[in-house]
């Protein structure tokens, strides 16, 4: 069975002639993900089997990671990986503290209110990260989007097992 993979970055371009790749990080643990000898998979948007790679070197340059993989030599070889995703095996995910979640654990969750009886608001389809706190995008049954700030006053309970989030609708959120 193929390993379950989770995205930690996207290759946006090449850098130099030695095969370095410019990577936009999609991970809160970027320093660890792109550290020397880290095991990643390159997943091409054109399909095919994930390519296992090992980080040889990495450094931060203009808010991106410049990553050189042991398996990729030269710009010609690196060029074919542009627009590919970098992923990790599920087993390599870090344990998170209480009340912190990976995006994939939240996306797809049903959102209900704390009213009695609870009202179903919709399903979380996306997570925005504008600054101070994340914002969860909820697609309502009528097709509209509801933006919920991920703050303790709004998000009361997250049940990852049943994929359900209980929220308190503060005045002005609807």
N, C-alpha and C. Protein backbone atom coordinates (compact mmCIF):
# COMPACT_ATOMS: atom_id res chain seq x y z
N UNK A 1 0.84 -1.18 0.00
CA UNK A 1 0.00 0.00 0.00
C UNK A 1 0.89 1.25 0.00
N UNK A 2 0.54 2.24 -0.79
CA UNK A 2 1.31 3.48 -0.88
C UNK A 2 1.19 4.25 0.43
N UNK A 3 2.28 4.91 0.84
CA UNK A 3 2.21 5.69 2.08
C UNK A 3 1.27 6.87 1.92
N UNK A 4 0.65 7.29 3.04
CA UNK A 4 -0.19 8.48 3.03
C UNK A 4 0.74 9.67 3.16
N UNK A 5 0.65 10.59 2.20
CA UNK A 5 1.58 11.71 2.14
C UNK A 5 0.89 13.03 2.43
N UNK A 6 1.64 13.97 3.05
CA UNK A 6 1.12 15.29 3.36
C UNK A 6 2.08 16.34 2.84
N UNK A 7 1.53 17.39 2.23
CA UNK A 7 2.31 18.44 1.60
C UNK A 7 3.02 19.31 2.64
N UNK A 8 4.32 19.54 2.41
CA UNK A 8 5.10 20.43 3.27
C UNK A 8 5.71 21.58 2.49
N UNK A 9 5.59 21.55 1.15
CA UNK A 9 6.14 22.63 0.35
C UNK A 9 5.83 22.45 -1.12
N UNK A 10 6.12 23.51 -1.88
CA UNK A 10 5.92 23.47 -3.33
C UNK A 10 7.19 24.00 -3.99
N UNK A 11 7.66 23.27 -5.00
CA UNK A 11 8.82 23.69 -5.78
C UNK A 11 8.33 24.71 -6.80
N UNK A 12 8.83 25.93 -6.73
CA UNK A 12 8.34 26.99 -7.63
C UNK A 12 9.33 27.32 -8.74
N UNK A 13 10.61 26.96 -8.56
CA UNK A 13 11.58 27.27 -9.61
C UNK A 13 12.90 26.59 -9.28
N UNK A 14 13.85 26.73 -10.20
CA UNK A 14 15.21 26.28 -9.95
C UNK A 14 16.02 27.46 -9.45
N UNK A 15 17.22 27.17 -8.93
CA UNK A 15 18.10 28.25 -8.46
C UNK A 15 19.53 27.84 -8.79
N UNK A 16 20.18 28.61 -9.63
CA UNK A 16 21.56 28.31 -10.00
C UNK A 16 21.65 27.13 -10.95
N UNK A 17 22.87 26.64 -11.16
CA UNK A 17 23.09 25.57 -12.14
C UNK A 17 23.39 24.22 -11.51
N UNK A 18 23.47 24.17 -10.18
CA UNK A 18 23.86 22.92 -9.51
C UNK A 18 22.69 22.04 -9.10
N UNK A 19 21.46 22.47 -9.44
CA UNK A 19 20.30 21.63 -9.14
C UNK A 19 19.53 22.04 -7.91
N UNK A 20 19.80 23.22 -7.37
CA UNK A 20 19.03 23.71 -6.23
C UNK A 20 17.62 24.08 -6.69
N UNK A 21 16.66 23.90 -5.80
CA UNK A 21 15.27 24.21 -6.10
C UNK A 21 14.73 25.24 -5.12
N UNK A 22 13.94 26.19 -5.63
CA UNK A 22 13.27 27.18 -4.77
C UNK A 22 11.98 26.54 -4.27
N UNK A 23 11.81 26.54 -2.95
CA UNK A 23 10.66 25.89 -2.34
C UNK A 23 9.91 26.88 -1.46
N UNK A 24 8.58 26.96 -1.66
CA UNK A 24 7.72 27.71 -0.76
C UNK A 24 7.24 26.71 0.29
N UNK A 25 7.52 27.00 1.54
CA UNK A 25 7.14 26.08 2.62
C UNK A 25 5.65 26.15 2.91
N UNK A 26 5.05 24.99 3.15
CA UNK A 26 3.67 24.87 3.60
C UNK A 26 3.64 24.16 4.97
N UNK A 27 4.70 24.33 5.73
CA UNK A 27 4.84 23.61 7.00
C UNK A 27 5.20 24.56 8.13
N UNK A 28 4.65 24.30 9.30
CA UNK A 28 5.05 25.04 10.50
C UNK A 28 6.39 24.55 11.02
N UNK A 29 6.88 23.45 10.47
CA UNK A 29 8.13 22.85 10.92
C UNK A 29 9.16 22.87 9.78
N UNK A 30 9.22 23.99 9.05
CA UNK A 30 10.06 24.07 7.85
C UNK A 30 11.53 23.77 8.14
N UNK A 31 12.07 24.30 9.22
CA UNK A 31 13.48 24.06 9.52
C UNK A 31 13.77 22.57 9.66
N UNK A 32 12.84 21.85 10.24
CA UNK A 32 12.99 20.41 10.41
C UNK A 32 12.74 19.68 9.09
N UNK A 33 11.73 20.08 8.34
CA UNK A 33 11.37 19.41 7.09
C UNK A 33 12.48 19.48 6.05
N UNK A 34 13.18 20.64 6.01
CA UNK A 34 14.20 20.85 4.99
C UNK A 34 15.62 20.74 5.55
N UNK A 35 15.76 20.13 6.72
CA UNK A 35 17.08 19.93 7.33
C UNK A 35 17.84 18.85 6.56
N UNK A 36 19.14 18.89 6.66
CA UNK A 36 20.00 17.90 5.99
C UNK A 36 19.57 16.48 6.35
N UNK A 37 19.49 15.63 5.35
CA UNK A 37 19.13 14.21 5.44
C UNK A 37 17.64 13.96 5.68
N UNK A 38 16.81 15.00 5.63
CA UNK A 38 15.36 14.78 5.74
C UNK A 38 14.86 14.01 4.53
N UNK A 39 13.93 13.11 4.78
CA UNK A 39 13.34 12.29 3.72
C UNK A 39 12.04 12.94 3.25
N UNK A 40 11.94 13.25 1.96
CA UNK A 40 10.75 13.84 1.37
C UNK A 40 10.38 13.08 0.11
N UNK A 41 9.21 13.41 -0.43
CA UNK A 41 8.78 12.86 -1.71
C UNK A 41 8.45 14.01 -2.64
N UNK A 42 8.90 13.92 -3.89
CA UNK A 42 8.49 14.89 -4.90
C UNK A 42 7.31 14.27 -5.64
N UNK A 43 6.19 15.02 -5.66
CA UNK A 43 4.98 14.57 -6.34
C UNK A 43 4.69 15.53 -7.49
N UNK A 44 4.80 15.01 -8.70
CA UNK A 44 4.63 15.84 -9.90
C UNK A 44 3.15 16.11 -10.16
N UNK A 45 2.83 17.33 -10.62
CA UNK A 45 1.43 17.62 -10.98
C UNK A 45 1.01 16.86 -12.24
N UNK A 46 1.98 16.30 -12.96
CA UNK A 46 1.68 15.53 -14.16
C UNK A 46 1.43 14.06 -13.87
N UNK A 47 1.46 13.68 -12.60
CA UNK A 47 1.18 12.31 -12.22
C UNK A 47 2.46 11.50 -12.08
N UNK A 48 2.29 10.20 -11.91
CA UNK A 48 3.43 9.32 -11.71
C UNK A 48 3.65 9.04 -10.24
N UNK A 49 4.54 8.10 -9.98
CA UNK A 49 4.82 7.69 -8.61
C UNK A 49 5.62 8.79 -7.89
N UNK A 50 5.37 8.97 -6.59
CA UNK A 50 6.17 9.93 -5.82
C UNK A 50 7.64 9.52 -5.84
N UNK A 51 8.54 10.49 -5.99
CA UNK A 51 9.97 10.24 -6.03
C UNK A 51 10.57 10.52 -4.65
N UNK A 52 11.10 9.46 -3.98
CA UNK A 52 11.73 9.71 -2.67
C UNK A 52 13.05 10.45 -2.86
N UNK A 53 13.27 11.51 -2.07
CA UNK A 53 14.49 12.29 -2.13
C UNK A 53 15.00 12.59 -0.73
N UNK A 54 16.28 12.92 -0.65
CA UNK A 54 16.93 13.24 0.62
C UNK A 54 17.56 14.63 0.51
N UNK A 55 17.30 15.47 1.49
CA UNK A 55 17.85 16.82 1.50
C UNK A 55 19.36 16.75 1.71
N UNK A 56 20.09 17.37 0.80
CA UNK A 56 21.54 17.47 0.93
C UNK A 56 21.89 18.76 1.66
N UNK A 57 21.35 19.90 1.18
CA UNK A 57 21.54 21.19 1.83
C UNK A 57 20.27 22.01 1.68
N UNK A 58 20.09 22.98 2.57
CA UNK A 58 18.98 23.92 2.43
C UNK A 58 19.34 25.21 3.17
N UNK A 59 18.76 26.29 2.68
CA UNK A 59 18.98 27.59 3.31
C UNK A 59 17.80 28.48 2.97
N UNK A 60 17.57 29.49 3.79
CA UNK A 60 16.48 30.42 3.55
C UNK A 60 17.03 31.60 2.75
N UNK A 61 16.30 31.98 1.70
CA UNK A 61 16.69 33.11 0.87
C UNK A 61 15.42 33.80 0.38
N UNK A 62 15.21 35.06 0.81
CA UNK A 62 14.03 35.83 0.42
C UNK A 62 12.73 35.07 0.69
N UNK A 63 12.56 34.61 1.92
CA UNK A 63 11.35 33.91 2.39
C UNK A 63 11.07 32.60 1.69
N UNK A 64 12.04 32.03 1.02
CA UNK A 64 11.91 30.71 0.39
C UNK A 64 13.08 29.86 0.84
N UNK A 65 12.91 28.56 0.69
CA UNK A 65 14.00 27.63 0.97
C UNK A 65 14.67 27.27 -0.34
N UNK A 66 15.99 27.32 -0.35
CA UNK A 66 16.78 26.84 -1.49
C UNK A 66 17.25 25.46 -1.07
N UNK A 67 16.71 24.43 -1.72
CA UNK A 67 16.95 23.06 -1.30
C UNK A 67 17.69 22.31 -2.40
N UNK A 68 18.75 21.61 -2.01
CA UNK A 68 19.49 20.73 -2.94
C UNK A 68 19.27 19.31 -2.45
N UNK A 69 18.78 18.47 -3.35
CA UNK A 69 18.55 17.06 -3.03
C UNK A 69 19.71 16.21 -3.53
N UNK A 70 20.07 15.18 -2.78
CA UNK A 70 21.18 14.29 -3.15
C UNK A 70 20.92 13.62 -4.50
N UNK A 71 19.66 13.37 -4.83
CA UNK A 71 19.30 12.62 -6.04
C UNK A 71 19.23 13.50 -7.30
N UNK A 72 19.34 14.80 -7.16
CA UNK A 72 19.18 15.70 -8.31
C UNK A 72 20.47 16.47 -8.54
N UNK A 73 21.07 16.27 -9.73
CA UNK A 73 22.31 16.95 -10.07
C UNK A 73 22.09 17.84 -11.29
N UNK A 74 22.33 19.10 -11.13
CA UNK A 74 22.30 20.03 -12.25
C UNK A 74 20.94 20.62 -12.55
N UNK A 75 20.98 21.77 -13.22
CA UNK A 75 19.75 22.50 -13.53
C UNK A 75 18.85 21.73 -14.49
N UNK A 76 19.44 20.99 -15.44
CA UNK A 76 18.62 20.26 -16.41
C UNK A 76 17.72 19.22 -15.73
N UNK A 77 18.26 18.53 -14.77
CA UNK A 77 17.46 17.54 -14.03
C UNK A 77 16.46 18.23 -13.10
N UNK A 78 16.89 19.32 -12.46
CA UNK A 78 16.02 20.04 -11.52
C UNK A 78 14.83 20.69 -12.23
N UNK A 79 15.02 21.11 -13.46
CA UNK A 79 14.01 21.83 -14.23
C UNK A 79 12.68 21.06 -14.30
N UNK A 80 12.74 19.74 -14.41
CA UNK A 80 11.51 18.94 -14.58
C UNK A 80 10.66 18.84 -13.32
N UNK A 81 11.18 19.32 -12.18
CA UNK A 81 10.42 19.24 -10.93
C UNK A 81 9.71 20.54 -10.56
N UNK A 82 9.82 21.57 -11.42
CA UNK A 82 9.11 22.82 -11.15
C UNK A 82 7.61 22.55 -11.07
N UNK A 83 6.95 23.23 -10.12
CA UNK A 83 5.50 23.12 -9.86
C UNK A 83 5.13 21.82 -9.13
N UNK A 84 6.10 21.00 -8.76
CA UNK A 84 5.82 19.78 -8.02
C UNK A 84 5.65 20.09 -6.53
N UNK A 85 4.97 19.18 -5.83
CA UNK A 85 4.80 19.32 -4.39
C UNK A 85 5.83 18.49 -3.66
N UNK A 86 6.24 18.96 -2.49
CA UNK A 86 7.09 18.18 -1.60
C UNK A 86 6.21 17.66 -0.48
N UNK A 87 6.32 16.36 -0.22
CA UNK A 87 5.47 15.74 0.78
C UNK A 87 6.28 14.90 1.74
N UNK A 88 5.67 14.63 2.90
CA UNK A 88 6.28 13.73 3.88
C UNK A 88 5.33 12.57 4.13
N UNK A 89 5.90 11.50 4.63
CA UNK A 89 5.12 10.34 5.03
C UNK A 89 4.36 10.68 6.31
N UNK A 90 3.16 10.14 6.44
CA UNK A 90 2.32 10.39 7.61
C UNK A 90 3.06 10.09 8.92
N UNK A 91 3.92 9.08 8.92
CA UNK A 91 4.64 8.68 10.14
C UNK A 91 5.60 9.76 10.62
N UNK A 92 5.98 10.70 9.74
CA UNK A 92 6.94 11.74 10.11
C UNK A 92 6.29 13.00 10.67
N UNK A 93 4.96 13.01 10.76
CA UNK A 93 4.29 14.19 11.30
C UNK A 93 4.57 14.32 12.80
N UNK A 94 4.74 15.56 13.23
CA UNK A 94 5.00 15.85 14.64
C UNK A 94 3.72 15.72 15.45
N UNK A 95 3.86 15.36 16.70
CA UNK A 95 2.73 15.40 17.64
C UNK A 95 2.49 16.86 17.97
N UNK A 96 1.25 17.29 17.88
CA UNK A 96 0.94 18.69 18.17
C UNK A 96 0.40 18.84 19.59
N UNK A 97 0.60 20.01 20.20
CA UNK A 97 0.02 20.25 21.53
C UNK A 97 -1.50 20.26 21.45
N UNK A 98 -2.14 20.19 22.62
CA UNK A 98 -3.60 20.25 22.67
C UNK A 98 -4.10 21.52 21.99
N UNK A 99 -5.25 21.41 21.35
CA UNK A 99 -5.91 22.52 20.66
C UNK A 99 -5.11 23.08 19.49
N UNK A 100 -4.21 22.28 18.92
CA UNK A 100 -3.55 22.64 17.66
C UNK A 100 -3.76 21.47 16.71
N UNK A 101 -3.97 21.81 15.44
CA UNK A 101 -4.35 20.79 14.46
C UNK A 101 -3.64 21.02 13.14
N UNK A 102 -3.42 19.94 12.43
CA UNK A 102 -2.94 20.04 11.06
C UNK A 102 -4.12 20.43 10.17
N UNK A 103 -3.82 21.14 9.09
CA UNK A 103 -4.88 21.58 8.18
C UNK A 103 -5.73 20.40 7.71
N UNK A 104 -5.08 19.29 7.37
CA UNK A 104 -5.82 18.14 6.84
C UNK A 104 -6.77 17.54 7.88
N UNK A 105 -6.53 17.82 9.16
CA UNK A 105 -7.43 17.32 10.20
C UNK A 105 -8.69 18.19 10.31
N UNK A 106 -8.58 19.46 9.89
CA UNK A 106 -9.68 20.41 10.02
C UNK A 106 -10.52 20.47 8.73
N UNK A 107 -9.84 20.48 7.59
CA UNK A 107 -10.56 20.56 6.31
C UNK A 107 -11.44 19.32 6.16
N UNK A 108 -12.70 19.56 5.84
CA UNK A 108 -13.66 18.46 5.70
C UNK A 108 -14.53 18.27 6.94
N UNK A 109 -14.21 18.95 8.03
CA UNK A 109 -15.01 18.83 9.25
C UNK A 109 -16.35 19.56 9.10
N UNK A 110 -17.39 18.95 9.67
CA UNK A 110 -18.71 19.58 9.71
C UNK A 110 -18.70 20.58 10.86
N UNK A 111 -19.30 21.75 10.63
CA UNK A 111 -19.34 22.80 11.65
C UNK A 111 -20.76 22.94 12.17
N UNK A 112 -20.89 22.87 13.52
CA UNK A 112 -22.20 23.05 14.16
C UNK A 112 -22.10 24.16 15.21
N UNK A 113 -23.24 24.77 15.51
CA UNK A 113 -23.26 25.83 16.52
C UNK A 113 -23.42 25.23 17.91
N UNK A 114 -23.22 26.07 18.93
CA UNK A 114 -23.37 25.63 20.32
C UNK A 114 -24.79 25.84 20.82
N UNK A 115 -25.71 26.19 19.91
CA UNK A 115 -27.11 26.40 20.30
C UNK A 115 -27.77 25.07 20.65
N UNK A 116 -28.96 25.16 21.26
CA UNK A 116 -29.72 23.95 21.56
C UNK A 116 -31.07 24.05 20.87
N UNK A 117 -31.37 23.30 19.85
CA UNK A 117 -30.53 22.28 19.22
C UNK A 117 -29.46 22.92 18.33
N UNK A 118 -28.34 22.19 18.10
CA UNK A 118 -27.27 22.75 17.28
C UNK A 118 -27.72 22.94 15.83
N UNK A 119 -27.21 24.00 15.23
CA UNK A 119 -27.51 24.29 13.83
C UNK A 119 -26.27 23.92 13.02
N UNK A 120 -26.46 23.17 11.91
CA UNK A 120 -25.34 22.81 11.06
C UNK A 120 -25.05 23.97 10.11
N UNK A 121 -23.79 24.46 10.15
CA UNK A 121 -23.41 25.61 9.33
C UNK A 121 -22.83 25.22 7.98
N UNK A 122 -22.18 24.07 7.90
CA UNK A 122 -21.57 23.62 6.67
C UNK A 122 -20.30 22.84 6.93
N UNK A 123 -19.38 22.84 5.93
CA UNK A 123 -18.15 22.06 6.00
C UNK A 123 -16.96 22.98 5.75
N UNK A 124 -15.89 22.77 6.51
CA UNK A 124 -14.68 23.56 6.33
C UNK A 124 -13.99 23.10 5.05
N UNK A 125 -13.77 24.06 4.12
CA UNK A 125 -13.18 23.72 2.83
C UNK A 125 -11.76 24.26 2.66
N UNK A 126 -11.40 25.24 3.49
CA UNK A 126 -10.10 25.89 3.30
C UNK A 126 -9.71 26.58 4.60
N UNK A 127 -8.40 26.80 4.77
CA UNK A 127 -7.91 27.53 5.93
C UNK A 127 -7.02 28.66 5.41
N UNK A 128 -7.37 29.89 5.78
CA UNK A 128 -6.59 31.05 5.39
C UNK A 128 -5.68 31.44 6.55
N UNK A 129 -4.49 31.94 6.23
CA UNK A 129 -3.55 32.35 7.27
C UNK A 129 -3.13 33.81 7.05
N UNK A 130 -4.07 34.74 7.32
CA UNK A 130 -3.79 36.15 7.03
C UNK A 130 -2.86 36.85 8.01
N UNK A 131 -2.73 36.34 9.21
CA UNK A 131 -1.86 37.03 10.17
C UNK A 131 -2.04 36.55 11.58
N UNK A 132 -2.75 37.34 12.39
CA UNK A 132 -2.86 37.09 13.83
C UNK A 132 -3.41 35.70 14.15
N UNK A 133 -4.43 35.27 13.41
CA UNK A 133 -5.00 33.94 13.63
C UNK A 133 -5.49 33.39 12.29
N UNK A 134 -5.62 32.07 12.23
CA UNK A 134 -6.14 31.43 11.02
C UNK A 134 -7.62 31.75 10.89
N UNK A 135 -8.11 31.65 9.66
CA UNK A 135 -9.52 31.83 9.38
C UNK A 135 -9.99 30.59 8.64
N UNK A 136 -11.04 29.94 9.17
CA UNK A 136 -11.58 28.73 8.56
C UNK A 136 -12.71 29.11 7.63
N UNK A 137 -12.63 28.67 6.38
CA UNK A 137 -13.66 28.94 5.38
C UNK A 137 -14.67 27.79 5.41
N UNK A 138 -15.94 28.14 5.72
CA UNK A 138 -17.00 27.13 5.81
C UNK A 138 -17.94 27.30 4.62
N UNK A 139 -18.10 26.24 3.86
CA UNK A 139 -19.05 26.25 2.73
C UNK A 139 -20.41 25.84 3.28
N UNK A 140 -21.38 26.77 3.19
CA UNK A 140 -22.71 26.51 3.74
C UNK A 140 -23.53 25.69 2.75
N UNK A 141 -24.62 25.06 3.21
CA UNK A 141 -25.45 24.25 2.31
C UNK A 141 -26.00 25.05 1.11
N UNK A 142 -26.18 26.37 1.26
CA UNK A 142 -26.70 27.17 0.14
C UNK A 142 -25.58 27.67 -0.78
N UNK A 143 -24.33 27.18 -0.55
CA UNK A 143 -23.22 27.51 -1.44
C UNK A 143 -22.42 28.74 -1.07
N UNK A 144 -22.84 29.45 -0.04
CA UNK A 144 -22.11 30.65 0.37
C UNK A 144 -20.94 30.24 1.27
N UNK A 145 -20.02 31.20 1.49
CA UNK A 145 -18.89 30.95 2.36
C UNK A 145 -19.01 31.78 3.63
N UNK A 146 -18.71 31.14 4.74
CA UNK A 146 -18.71 31.78 6.05
C UNK A 146 -17.27 31.75 6.55
N UNK A 147 -16.75 32.88 6.99
CA UNK A 147 -15.38 32.96 7.49
C UNK A 147 -15.39 32.96 9.02
N UNK A 148 -14.76 31.95 9.60
CA UNK A 148 -14.71 31.83 11.06
C UNK A 148 -13.28 32.02 11.55
N UNK A 149 -13.05 32.99 12.43
CA UNK A 149 -11.70 33.13 12.99
C UNK A 149 -11.42 31.97 13.94
N UNK A 150 -10.24 31.42 13.83
CA UNK A 150 -9.87 30.31 14.70
C UNK A 150 -9.32 30.87 16.01
N UNK A 151 -10.26 31.30 16.87
CA UNK A 151 -9.92 31.84 18.18
C UNK A 151 -10.76 31.11 19.23
N UNK A 152 -10.28 31.05 20.47
CA UNK A 152 -11.01 30.30 21.51
C UNK A 152 -12.45 30.77 21.74
N UNK A 153 -12.74 32.06 21.53
CA UNK A 153 -14.11 32.55 21.72
C UNK A 153 -15.08 31.99 20.67
N UNK A 154 -14.56 31.59 19.52
CA UNK A 154 -15.41 31.09 18.43
C UNK A 154 -15.35 29.56 18.36
N UNK A 155 -14.14 29.00 18.27
CA UNK A 155 -13.98 27.55 18.15
C UNK A 155 -13.98 26.95 19.55
N UNK A 156 -15.08 26.26 19.88
CA UNK A 156 -15.23 25.72 21.23
C UNK A 156 -14.68 24.31 21.37
N UNK A 157 -14.89 23.48 20.34
CA UNK A 157 -14.49 22.08 20.43
C UNK A 157 -14.23 21.53 19.05
N UNK A 158 -13.13 20.79 18.91
CA UNK A 158 -12.80 20.10 17.67
C UNK A 158 -12.71 18.62 17.97
N UNK A 159 -13.55 17.84 17.30
CA UNK A 159 -13.53 16.39 17.45
C UNK A 159 -12.99 15.81 16.15
N UNK A 160 -11.66 15.50 16.15
CA UNK A 160 -11.02 15.00 14.94
C UNK A 160 -11.58 13.63 14.53
N UNK A 161 -11.95 12.84 15.50
CA UNK A 161 -12.44 11.49 15.21
C UNK A 161 -13.75 11.52 14.44
N UNK A 162 -14.72 12.33 14.90
CA UNK A 162 -16.01 12.40 14.22
C UNK A 162 -16.05 13.51 13.17
N UNK A 163 -14.89 14.20 12.97
CA UNK A 163 -14.78 15.28 11.97
C UNK A 163 -15.86 16.33 12.18
N UNK A 164 -15.96 16.83 13.42
CA UNK A 164 -16.97 17.82 13.76
C UNK A 164 -16.36 18.93 14.61
N UNK A 165 -16.76 20.17 14.30
CA UNK A 165 -16.28 21.33 15.04
C UNK A 165 -17.50 22.07 15.60
N UNK A 166 -17.47 22.34 16.92
CA UNK A 166 -18.55 23.10 17.56
C UNK A 166 -18.07 24.52 17.77
N UNK A 167 -18.90 25.49 17.30
CA UNK A 167 -18.50 26.89 17.36
C UNK A 167 -19.56 27.74 18.04
N UNK A 168 -19.12 28.89 18.53
CA UNK A 168 -20.02 29.90 19.07
C UNK A 168 -20.02 31.06 18.07
N UNK A 169 -21.18 31.39 17.55
CA UNK A 169 -21.29 32.48 16.57
C UNK A 169 -21.38 33.80 17.30
N UNK A 170 -20.29 34.53 17.29
CA UNK A 170 -20.29 35.87 17.89
C UNK A 170 -21.09 36.80 17.00
N UNK A 171 -21.57 37.87 17.58
CA UNK A 171 -22.37 38.83 16.83
C UNK A 171 -21.58 39.36 15.63
N UNK A 172 -22.20 39.35 14.45
CA UNK A 172 -21.57 39.87 13.24
C UNK A 172 -20.90 38.83 12.38
N UNK A 173 -20.76 37.59 12.86
CA UNK A 173 -20.10 36.55 12.04
C UNK A 173 -20.99 36.08 10.90
N UNK A 174 -22.30 36.08 11.10
CA UNK A 174 -23.19 35.69 10.00
C UNK A 174 -23.52 36.93 9.25
